[in-house]
Amino acid sequence: MPIGAIVRDASGKVLGGLWGRTELGLLFLDMFFVAEDVRGKSYGRLLSAVETSCARAVVETSSFQAPGFYVRHGYEEFGRVEFGIPGAARIFLRKEL
């Protein structure tokens, strides 16, 4: 089942959002974005809101994007595929909910 959420400010401006899907109790988070100027202001709680309906979650991100964000929210790395760029990789994370 598809899931999605958008965060807006009081004027209706989009500050971020996420989308993904659930399947057999597993949450697959495809995209989570928060505008750079509002990061660190608790919009990560949106992640917690979509986790409530599943037993486990899986997310993939790039090493130069947000792996630290997911680790701070209880995710653990279970796989990594190196890109053709030295030091850059696709990182796969999971979390027991």
Protein backbone atom coordinates (compact mmCIF):
# COMPACT_ATOMS: atom_id res chain seq x y z
CA MET A 1 0.00 0.00 0.00
CA PRO A 2 1.45 3.41 -0.91
CA ILE A 3 2.15 5.92 1.87
CA GLY A 4 3.02 9.59 1.72
CA ALA A 5 3.08 12.73 3.80
CA ILE A 6 3.88 16.39 3.24
CA VAL A 7 5.05 18.98 5.79
CA ARG A 8 3.94 22.57 5.17
CA ASP A 9 4.49 25.80 7.04
CA ALA A 10 1.62 28.07 8.14
CA SER A 11 1.50 29.73 4.71
CA GLY A 12 1.24 26.38 2.91
CA LYS A 13 4.83 26.28 1.63
CA VAL A 14 6.10 22.69 1.35
CA LEU A 15 8.98 22.12 3.77
CA GLY A 16 9.42 18.41 3.14
CA GLY A 17 7.76 15.08 2.82
CA LEU A 18 8.14 11.39 2.29
CA TRP A 19 6.77 8.55 0.27
CA GLY A 20 7.10 4.82 0.21
CA ARG A 21 4.96 1.74 0.62
CA THR A 22 4.03 -0.98 3.06
CA GLU A 23 3.97 -4.64 2.20
CA LEU A 24 3.29 -7.57 4.54
CA GLY A 25 4.21 -5.56 7.65
CA LEU A 26 7.34 -4.06 6.09
CA LEU A 27 7.78 -0.33 5.47
CA PHE A 28 9.86 0.59 2.43
CA LEU A 29 10.79 4.26 2.60
CA ASP A 30 11.59 5.46 -0.91
CA MET A 31 12.17 9.17 -0.28
CA PHE A 32 12.33 11.48 2.72
CA PHE A 33 13.21 15.12 2.25
CA VAL A 34 13.25 18.17 4.51
CA ALA A 35 14.34 21.57 3.21
CA GLU A 36 17.86 22.40 4.35
CA ASP A 37 16.84 25.58 6.17
CA VAL A 38 14.45 23.69 8.50
CA ARG A 39 16.54 20.59 9.21
CA GLY A 40 17.18 19.93 12.89
CA LYS A 41 13.78 21.35 13.86
CA SER A 42 12.03 18.04 14.68
CA TYR A 43 10.55 17.39 11.24
CA GLY A 44 12.16 13.96 11.48
CA ARG A 45 9.18 13.01 13.63
CA LEU A 46 7.35 12.51 10.34
CA LEU A 47 9.41 9.32 10.00
CA SER A 48 8.05 8.03 13.32
CA ALA A 49 4.51 8.74 12.19
CA VAL A 50 4.72 6.35 9.22
CA GLU A 51 6.62 3.66 11.14
CA THR A 52 3.68 2.96 13.44
CA SER A 53 1.83 0.70 10.99
CA CYS A 54 4.62 -1.84 10.41
CA ALA A 55 6.84 -4.35 12.21
CA ARG A 56 10.05 -3.52 10.30
CA ALA A 57 11.37 -0.77 8.05
CA VAL A 58 13.92 -0.64 5.22
CA VAL A 59 15.48 2.44 3.68
CA GLU A 60 18.27 3.08 1.21
CA THR A 61 20.30 6.25 0.95
CA SER A 62 23.63 7.41 -0.42
CA SER A 63 26.67 7.88 1.78
CA PHE A 64 26.70 11.59 0.89
CA GLN A 65 23.02 12.04 1.74
CA ALA A 66 21.52 11.11 5.11
CA PRO A 67 22.75 7.83 6.63
CA GLY A 68 23.46 9.59 9.94
CA PHE A 69 19.86 10.79 10.15
CA TYR A 70 18.55 7.24 9.92
CA VAL A 71 21.11 5.88 12.41
CA ARG A 72 20.05 8.59 14.90
CA HIS A 73 16.48 7.35 14.44
CA GLY A 74 17.36 3.75 15.30
CA TYR A 75 18.20 2.28 11.89
CA GLU A 76 21.20 0.00 11.39
CA GLU A 77 23.18 -0.58 8.23
CA PHE A 78 22.90 -4.05 6.72
CA GLY A 79 24.40 -3.55 3.30
CA ARG A 80 26.50 -1.26 1.16
CA VAL A 81 27.25 -1.09 -2.55
CA GLU A 82 30.14 1.12 -3.63
CA PHE A 83 29.58 3.62 -6.43
CA GLY A 84 32.20 4.31 -9.09
CA ILE A 85 33.17 7.41 -7.07
CA PRO A 86 35.78 6.72 -4.37
CA GLY A 87 34.25 6.80 -0.89
CA ALA A 88 30.65 6.98 -2.12
CA ALA A 89 28.18 4.13 -1.69
CA ARG A 90 24.51 3.19 -1.63
CA ILE A 91 23.67 2.25 1.96
CA PHE A 92 20.82 -0.03 3.02
CA LEU A 93 19.42 0.33 6.54
CA ARG A 94 16.75 -1.46 8.56
CA LYS A 95 14.88 -1.03 11.81
CA GLU A 96 12.78 -3.32 13.98
CA LEU A 97 9.67 -1.41 14.89
